[in-house]
Amino acid sequence: MDIFSKPPRVKAEEFIVDPDGWASQHVVAQMKKTDRAKDWPIVDGLGQRLWAADLSTGLLHINDPARLQAAWSAADEPTRQAMAIRRPLLGRLSATTNEGQIERLLLMERLVWERVNDERHRRYTRAWKDFFRRWWKEAEWSWPTSEPFWMQHQRAVQAVHQQQLHTNPLADTAREDLLSAALRRLADMGFPQNEVARVLPPVDELLP
C-alpha cells in the first residue's frame, strides 16, 4: 500500500478480503510486482501456493521456470486460455522447452513490471515531495512532533488539505503513456520490441 492508499496493480473487482480483513494471496502477489528484487521471490511463492490450492491465478505469478512449465503442462485448456490472456508469456510456454529461453521470457516480463511500476511511482513521489516542500515552509513547522499519534495524523490530514496534495497524481497521465515510457527503457537496455511484445501483459493488468 503506497502513501496514496491505492493498492497498486490490483483490479477493483479482485480486491477481496477475508472475514478478518486480510487480502487474498492473489492480491498480495499483484501488489508485490514492484521494482524491488526482494519482492519477486514472494510473488513466486504466492503463485506456487495458489496453484497448489487449485487456484488458476497461481499461473499469473509463478516465475520459477521449471515450476511454471510444470503448472502450465498440468492446466486444462479453459484455464490456459483464460490465464494466457492476462499473462501472454504463458502462451509461449508450449513452444518453448529450453529453460534458458523461458528464463529470458521471464526476465523481459519482470522488467516490464519493474519499469512500469517505476514510472508510476515516480509520479506519486513527485507529488509527495512537492507537497512536503510547501508544507515545511509554513511558520513554526515541525515534523514529526511529540504529540500523540492521533494528533499527528490530524495535523497531517489538515496539511494535506491546506497544501493541496494531489489525490491522484496519475489523473492527467494516460496509462498507455506510462507503458510507452517503460518500454522505451527496455529498448534502451537492448531488448528487441518484437520480443518484449510476446510477453507484454495487457495495460489493464499492469495499471488497472
C-alpha atoms as a PDB file:
ATOM      1  CA  MET A   1       0.000   0.000   0.000  1.00  0.00           C
ATOM      2  CA  ASP A   2       1.571   3.304  -1.015  1.00  0.00           C
ATOM      3  CA  ILE A   3       1.065   6.677   0.633  1.00  0.00           C
ATOM      4  CA  PHE A   4      -1.968   7.416  -1.527  1.00  0.00           C
ATOM      5  CA  SER A   5      -3.744   4.313  -0.143  1.00  0.00           C
ATOM      6  CA  LYS A   6      -4.462   2.754  -3.519  1.00  0.00           C
ATOM      7  CA  PRO A   7      -3.250  -0.843  -3.773  1.00  0.00           C
ATOM      8  CA  PRO A   8      -1.170  -0.896  -6.972  1.00  0.00           C
ATOM      9  CA  ARG A   9      -1.739  -3.429  -9.751  1.00  0.00           C
ATOM     10  CA  VAL A  10      -4.976  -4.662  -8.158  1.00  0.00           C
ATOM     11  CA  LYS A  11      -8.230  -4.610 -10.089  1.00  0.00           C
ATOM     12  CA  ALA A  12     -11.163  -3.273  -8.074  1.00  0.00           C
ATOM     13  CA  GLU A  13     -13.224  -6.414  -8.709  1.00  0.00           C
ATOM     14  CA  GLU A  14     -10.388  -8.602  -7.376  1.00  0.00           C
ATOM     15  CA  PHE A  15      -9.718  -6.677  -4.193  1.00  0.00           C
ATOM     16  CA  ILE A  16     -11.216  -9.347  -1.978  1.00  0.00           C
ATOM     17  CA  VAL A  17     -10.584  -9.723   1.743  1.00  0.00           C
ATOM     18  CA  ASP A  18     -11.498 -12.496   4.134  1.00  0.00           C
ATOM     19  CA  PRO A  19     -13.816 -12.004   7.142  1.00  0.00           C
ATOM     20  CA  ASP A  20     -10.859 -10.814   9.249  1.00  0.00           C
ATOM     21  CA  GLY A  21      -9.895  -8.174   6.690  1.00  0.00           C
ATOM     22  CA  TRP A  22      -6.859  -9.945   5.212  1.00  0.00           C
ATOM     23  CA  ALA A  23      -6.227  -9.560   1.475  1.00  0.00           C
ATOM     24  CA  SER A  24      -6.070 -12.701  -0.655  1.00  0.00           C
ATOM     25  CA  GLN A  25      -2.756 -14.218  -1.709  1.00  0.00           C
ATOM     26  CA  HIS A  26      -3.525 -13.221  -5.302  1.00  0.00           C
ATOM     27  CA  VAL A  27      -3.963  -9.561  -4.290  1.00  0.00           C
ATOM     28  CA  VAL A  28      -0.704  -9.595  -2.329  1.00  0.00           C
ATOM     29  CA  ALA A  29       1.140 -11.171  -5.262  1.00  0.00           C
ATOM     30  CA  GLN A  30      -0.125  -8.411  -7.563  1.00  0.00           C
ATOM     31  CA  MET A  31       0.939  -5.730  -5.104  1.00  0.00           C
ATOM     32  CA  LYS A  32       4.401  -7.265  -4.836  1.00  0.00           C
ATOM     33  CA  LYS A  33       5.231  -6.928  -8.549  1.00  0.00           C
ATOM     34  CA  THR A  34       7.441  -3.932  -7.860  1.00  0.00           C
ATOM     35  CA  ASP A  35      10.896  -2.802  -8.912  1.00  0.00           C
ATOM     36  CA  ARG A  36      12.398  -4.256  -5.708  1.00  0.00           C
ATOM     37  CA  ALA A  37      14.286  -7.526  -6.191  1.00  0.00           C
ATOM     38  CA  LYS A  38      13.292  -8.804  -2.747  1.00  0.00           C
ATOM     39  CA  ASP A  39       9.592  -8.831  -3.688  1.00  0.00           C
ATOM     40  CA  TRP A  40       9.813 -11.276  -6.582  1.00  0.00           C
ATOM     41  CA  PRO A  41      10.538 -14.437  -4.556  1.00  0.00           C
ATOM     42  CA  ILE A  42       7.362 -13.579  -2.624  1.00  0.00           C
ATOM     43  CA  VAL A  43       5.402 -13.307  -5.876  1.00  0.00           C
ATOM     44  CA  ASP A  44       6.699 -16.714  -6.946  1.00  0.00           C
ATOM     45  CA  GLY A  45       5.978 -18.315  -3.577  1.00  0.00           C
ATOM     46  CA  LEU A  46       2.431 -16.987  -3.508  1.00  0.00           C
ATOM     47  CA  GLY A  47       1.890 -18.195  -7.059  1.00  0.00           C
ATOM     48  CA  GLN A  48       3.004 -21.692  -6.110  1.00  0.00           C
ATOM     49  CA  ARG A  49       0.723 -21.692  -3.073  1.00  0.00           C
ATOM     50  CA  LEU A  50      -2.236 -20.579  -5.156  1.00  0.00           C
ATOM     51  CA  TRP A  51      -1.576 -23.274  -7.731  1.00  0.00           C
ATOM     52  CA  ALA A  52      -1.179 -25.921  -5.019  1.00  0.00           C
ATOM     53  CA  ALA A  53      -4.608 -24.844  -3.747  1.00  0.00           C
ATOM     54  CA  ASP A  54      -6.037 -25.464  -7.245  1.00  0.00           C
ATOM     55  CA  LEU A  55      -6.480 -21.763  -7.950  1.00  0.00           C
ATOM     56  CA  SER A  56      -5.748 -20.869 -11.556  1.00  0.00           C
ATOM     57  CA  THR A  57      -4.487 -17.394 -10.618  1.00  0.00           C
ATOM     58  CA  GLY A  58      -1.305 -19.092  -9.461  1.00  0.00           C
ATOM     59  CA  LEU A  59      -0.284 -19.226 -13.129  1.00  0.00           C
ATOM     60  CA  LEU A  60      -0.164 -15.427 -13.155  1.00  0.00           C
ATOM     61  CA  HIS A  61       2.568 -15.288 -10.537  1.00  0.00           C
ATOM     62  CA  ILE A  62       4.888 -18.305 -10.665  1.00  0.00           C
ATOM     63  CA  ASN A  63       8.260 -17.173 -12.028  1.00  0.00           C
ATOM     64  CA  ASP A  64      10.395 -20.259 -11.430  1.00  0.00           C
ATOM     65  CA  PRO A  65      10.936 -21.690 -14.961  1.00  0.00           C
ATOM     66  CA  ALA A  66      10.600 -25.384 -14.097  1.00  0.00           C
ATOM     67  CA  ARG A  67       7.628 -24.951 -11.768  1.00  0.00           C
ATOM     68  CA  LEU A  68       5.841 -22.670 -14.203  1.00  0.00           C
ATOM     69  CA  GLN A  69       6.339 -25.114 -17.056  1.00  0.00           C
ATOM     70  CA  ALA A  70       5.034 -27.963 -14.891  1.00  0.00           C
ATOM     71  CA  ALA A  71       1.967 -25.998 -13.818  1.00  0.00           C
ATOM     72  CA  TRP A  72       1.248 -24.955 -17.394  1.00  0.00           C
ATOM     73  CA  SER A  73       1.511 -28.553 -18.584  1.00  0.00           C
ATOM     74  CA  ALA A  74      -0.976 -29.634 -15.917  1.00  0.00           C
ATOM     75  CA  ALA A  75      -3.520 -26.894 -16.642  1.00  0.00           C
ATOM     76  CA  ASP A  76      -6.661 -27.704 -18.611  1.00  0.00           C
ATOM     77  CA  GLU A  77      -7.463 -25.853 -21.821  1.00  0.00           C
ATOM     78  CA  PRO A  78     -10.094 -23.410 -20.431  1.00  0.00           C
ATOM     79  CA  THR A  79      -7.654 -22.396 -17.693  1.00  0.00           C
ATOM     80  CA  ARG A  80      -4.861 -21.958 -20.235  1.00  0.00           C
ATOM     81  CA  GLN A  81      -6.972 -19.745 -22.446  1.00  0.00           C
ATOM     82  CA  ALA A  82      -8.186 -17.543 -19.588  1.00  0.00           C
ATOM     83  CA  MET A  83      -4.789 -17.098 -17.957  1.00  0.00           C
ATOM     84  CA  ALA A  84      -2.853 -16.577 -21.209  1.00  0.00           C
ATOM     85  CA  ILE A  85      -4.999 -13.511 -21.928  1.00  0.00           C
ATOM     86  CA  ARG A  86      -3.862 -12.000 -18.649  1.00  0.00           C
ATOM     87  CA  ARG A  87      -0.272 -13.260 -18.912  1.00  0.00           C
ATOM     88  CA  PRO A  88       0.783 -13.619 -22.575  1.00  0.00           C
ATOM     89  CA  LEU A  89       4.075 -15.265 -21.581  1.00  0.00           C
ATOM     90  CA  LEU A  90       2.068 -18.394 -20.756  1.00  0.00           C
ATOM     91  CA  GLY A  91       1.082 -18.772 -24.389  1.00  0.00           C
ATOM     92  CA  ARG A  92       4.766 -19.053 -25.304  1.00  0.00           C
ATOM     93  CA  LEU A  93       5.491 -21.968 -22.963  1.00  0.00           C
ATOM     94  CA  SER A  94       4.126 -24.793 -25.105  1.00  0.00           C
ATOM     95  CA  ALA A  95       6.548 -23.920 -27.910  1.00  0.00           C
ATOM     96  CA  THR A  96       9.454 -23.172 -25.572  1.00  0.00           C
ATOM     97  CA  THR A  97      11.143 -26.157 -23.949  1.00  0.00           C
ATOM     98  CA  ASN A  98      14.608 -24.699 -23.393  1.00  0.00           C
ATOM     99  CA  GLU A  99      14.886 -23.457 -19.809  1.00  0.00           C
ATOM    100  CA  GLY A 100      17.240 -20.670 -20.827  1.00  0.00           C
ATOM    101  CA  GLN A 101      14.664 -19.347 -23.278  1.00  0.00           C
ATOM    102  CA  ILE A 102      11.986 -19.437 -20.592  1.00  0.00           C
ATOM    103  CA  GLU A 103      14.297 -17.560 -18.254  1.00  0.00           C
ATOM    104  CA  ARG A 104      14.731 -14.859 -20.900  1.00  0.00           C
ATOM    105  CA  LEU A 105      10.965 -14.552 -21.339  1.00  0.00           C
ATOM    106  CA  LEU A 106      10.516 -14.286 -17.573  1.00  0.00           C
ATOM    107  CA  LEU A 107      13.272 -11.675 -17.352  1.00  0.00           C
ATOM    108  CA  MET A 108      11.665  -9.499 -20.020  1.00  0.00           C
ATOM    109  CA  GLU A 109       8.257  -9.842 -18.387  1.00  0.00           C
ATOM    110  CA  ARG A 110       9.630  -8.926 -14.975  1.00  0.00           C
ATOM    111  CA  LEU A 111      11.452  -5.905 -16.394  1.00  0.00           C
ATOM    112  CA  VAL A 112       8.172  -4.685 -17.883  1.00  0.00           C
ATOM    113  CA  TRP A 113       6.514  -4.872 -14.464  1.00  0.00           C
ATOM    114  CA  GLU A 114       9.503  -3.189 -12.810  1.00  0.00           C
ATOM    115  CA  ARG A 115       9.799  -0.312 -15.281  1.00  0.00           C
ATOM    116  CA  VAL A 116       6.052   0.327 -15.356  1.00  0.00           C
ATOM    117  CA  ASN A 117       5.991   0.431 -11.564  1.00  0.00           C
ATOM    118  CA  ASP A 118       8.931   2.822 -11.504  1.00  0.00           C
ATOM    119  CA  GLU A 119       7.234   5.155 -13.990  1.00  0.00           C
ATOM    120  CA  ARG A 120       4.025   5.049 -11.924  1.00  0.00           C
ATOM    121  CA  HIS A 121       5.767   5.541  -8.607  1.00  0.00           C
ATOM    122  CA  ARG A 122       7.810   8.491  -9.853  1.00  0.00           C
ATOM    123  CA  ARG A 123       4.587  10.453 -10.324  1.00  0.00           C
ATOM    124  CA  TYR A 124       3.474   9.679  -6.775  1.00  0.00           C
ATOM    125  CA  THR A 125       6.882  10.541  -5.346  1.00  0.00           C
ATOM    126  CA  ARG A 126       6.992  13.842  -7.200  1.00  0.00           C
ATOM    127  CA  ALA A 127       3.527  14.811  -5.901  1.00  0.00           C
ATOM    128  CA  TRP A 128       4.511  13.920  -2.327  1.00  0.00           C
ATOM    129  CA  LYS A 129       7.791  15.840  -2.477  1.00  0.00           C
ATOM    130  CA  ASP A 130       6.100  18.934  -3.922  1.00  0.00           C
ATOM    131  CA  PHE A 131       3.532  18.801  -1.115  1.00  0.00           C
ATOM    132  CA  PHE A 132       6.208  18.322   1.549  1.00  0.00           C
ATOM    133  CA  ARG A 133       8.264  21.265   0.292  1.00  0.00           C
ATOM    134  CA  ARG A 134       5.206  23.526   0.549  1.00  0.00           C
ATOM    135  CA  TRP A 135       4.367  22.188   3.992  1.00  0.00           C
ATOM    136  CA  TRP A 136       7.771  22.731   5.605  1.00  0.00           C
ATOM    137  CA  LYS A 137       7.701  26.391   4.572  1.00  0.00           C
ATOM    138  CA  GLU A 138       4.843  27.013   6.999  1.00  0.00           C
ATOM    139  CA  ALA A 139       5.624  29.185  10.036  1.00  0.00           C
ATOM    140  CA  GLU A 140       6.822  27.173  13.056  1.00  0.00           C
ATOM    141  CA  TRP A 141       6.719  23.969  11.010  1.00  0.00           C
ATOM    142  CA  SER A 142       7.874  20.839  12.827  1.00  0.00           C
ATOM    143  CA  TRP A 143       7.597  17.188  11.880  1.00  0.00           C
ATOM    144  CA  PRO A 144       7.301  14.714  13.408  1.00  0.00           C
ATOM    145  CA  THR A 145       6.009  16.238  16.605  1.00  0.00           C
ATOM    146  CA  SER A 146       5.978  14.877  20.150  1.00  0.00           C
ATOM    147  CA  GLU A 147       2.176  14.780  20.131  1.00  0.00           C
ATOM    148  CA  PRO A 148       0.159  11.550  20.400  1.00  0.00           C
ATOM    149  CA  PHE A 149      -0.158   9.735  17.107  1.00  0.00           C
ATOM    150  CA  TRP A 150      -3.810  10.663  16.563  1.00  0.00           C
ATOM    151  CA  MET A 151      -2.900  14.349  16.834  1.00  0.00           C
ATOM    152  CA  GLN A 152      -0.006  13.930  14.396  1.00  0.00           C
ATOM    153  CA  HIS A 153      -2.401  12.227  11.998  1.00  0.00           C
ATOM    154  CA  GLN A 154      -4.890  15.072  12.372  1.00  0.00           C
ATOM    155  CA  ARG A 155      -2.145  17.613  11.682  1.00  0.00           C
ATOM    156  CA  ALA A 156      -1.013  15.700   8.576  1.00  0.00           C
ATOM    157  CA  VAL A 157      -4.563  15.452   7.218  1.00  0.00           C
ATOM    158  CA  GLN A 158      -5.040  19.175   7.734  1.00  0.00           C
ATOM    159  CA  ALA A 159      -1.787  19.895   5.877  1.00  0.00           C
ATOM    160  CA  VAL A 160      -2.828  17.640   3.008  1.00  0.00           C
ATOM    161  CA  HIS A 161      -5.957  19.738   2.516  1.00  0.00           C
ATOM    162  CA  GLN A 162      -4.285  23.096   3.034  1.00  0.00           C
ATOM    163  CA  GLN A 163      -1.328  22.369   0.763  1.00  0.00           C
ATOM    164  CA  GLN A 164      -3.487  20.552  -1.772  1.00  0.00           C
ATOM    165  CA  LEU A 165      -1.740  17.233  -2.060  1.00  0.00           C
ATOM    166  CA  HIS A 166      -2.972  15.748  -5.336  1.00  0.00           C
ATOM    167  CA  THR A 167      -5.399  12.913  -4.620  1.00  0.00           C
ATOM    168  CA  ASN A 168      -4.482  11.122  -7.846  1.00  0.00           C
ATOM    169  CA  PRO A 169      -1.128  12.050  -9.423  1.00  0.00           C
ATOM    170  CA  LEU A 170      -1.920   9.797 -12.390  1.00  0.00           C
ATOM    171  CA  ALA A 171      -5.198  11.512 -13.232  1.00  0.00           C
ATOM    172  CA  ASP A 172      -3.679  13.505 -16.082  1.00  0.00           C
ATOM    173  CA  THR A 173      -1.433  10.716 -17.360  1.00  0.00           C
ATOM    174  CA  ALA A 174      -2.705   8.058 -19.739  1.00  0.00           C
ATOM    175  CA  ARG A 175      -1.810   4.509 -18.732  1.00  0.00           C
ATOM    176  CA  GLU A 176      -0.531   3.943 -22.248  1.00  0.00           C
ATOM    177  CA  ASP A 177       1.939   6.814 -21.805  1.00  0.00           C
ATOM    178  CA  LEU A 178       3.379   5.196 -18.679  1.00  0.00           C
ATOM    179  CA  LEU A 179       3.680   1.896 -20.500  1.00  0.00           C
ATOM    180  CA  SER A 180       5.336   3.521 -23.511  1.00  0.00           C
ATOM    181  CA  ALA A 181       7.901   5.204 -21.272  1.00  0.00           C
ATOM    182  CA  ALA A 182       8.670   1.859 -19.624  1.00  0.00           C
ATOM    183  CA  LEU A 183       9.030   0.093 -22.987  1.00  0.00           C
ATOM    184  CA  ARG A 184      11.437   2.753 -24.241  1.00  0.00           C
ATOM    185  CA  ARG A 185      13.647   1.995 -21.268  1.00  0.00           C
ATOM    186  CA  LEU A 186      13.634  -1.714 -22.160  1.00  0.00           C
ATOM    187  CA  ALA A 187      14.588  -0.833 -25.729  1.00  0.00           C
ATOM    188  CA  ASP A 188      17.486   1.230 -24.366  1.00  0.00           C
ATOM    189  CA  MET A 189      18.598  -1.889 -22.494  1.00  0.00           C
ATOM    190  CA  GLY A 190      18.797  -3.814 -25.773  1.00  0.00           C
ATOM    191  CA  PHE A 191      15.588  -5.870 -25.626  1.00  0.00           C
ATOM    192  CA  PRO A 192      14.005  -6.028 -29.111  1.00  0.00           C
ATOM    193  CA  GLN A 193      10.488  -4.623 -29.278  1.00  0.00           C
ATOM    194  CA  ASN A 194       9.091  -7.703 -31.017  1.00  0.00           C
ATOM    195  CA  GLU A 195      10.414  -9.980 -28.254  1.00  0.00           C
ATOM    196  CA  VAL A 196       9.032  -7.836 -25.456  1.00  0.00           C
ATOM    197  CA  ALA A 197       5.657  -7.748 -27.215  1.00  0.00           C
ATOM    198  CA  ARG A 198       5.393 -11.537 -26.844  1.00  0.00           C
ATOM    199  CA  VAL A 199       5.320 -11.308 -23.048  1.00  0.00           C
ATOM    200  CA  LEU A 200       3.740  -7.875 -22.594  1.00  0.00           C
ATOM    201  CA  PRO A 201       0.823  -8.046 -20.133  1.00  0.00           C
ATOM    202  CA  PRO A 202      -2.307  -6.057 -21.043  1.00  0.00           C
ATOM    203  CA  VAL A 203      -2.226  -2.482 -19.785  1.00  0.00           C
ATOM    204  CA  ASP A 204      -5.232  -3.131 -17.522  1.00  0.00           C
ATOM    205  CA  GLU A 205      -3.161  -5.785 -15.746  1.00  0.00           C
ATOM    206  CA  LEU A 206      -0.142  -3.519 -15.326  1.00  0.00           C
ATOM    207  CA  LEU A 207      -2.109  -0.398 -14.438  1.00  0.00           C
ATOM    208  CA  PRO A 208      -5.714  -1.255 -13.510  1.00  0.00           C
END
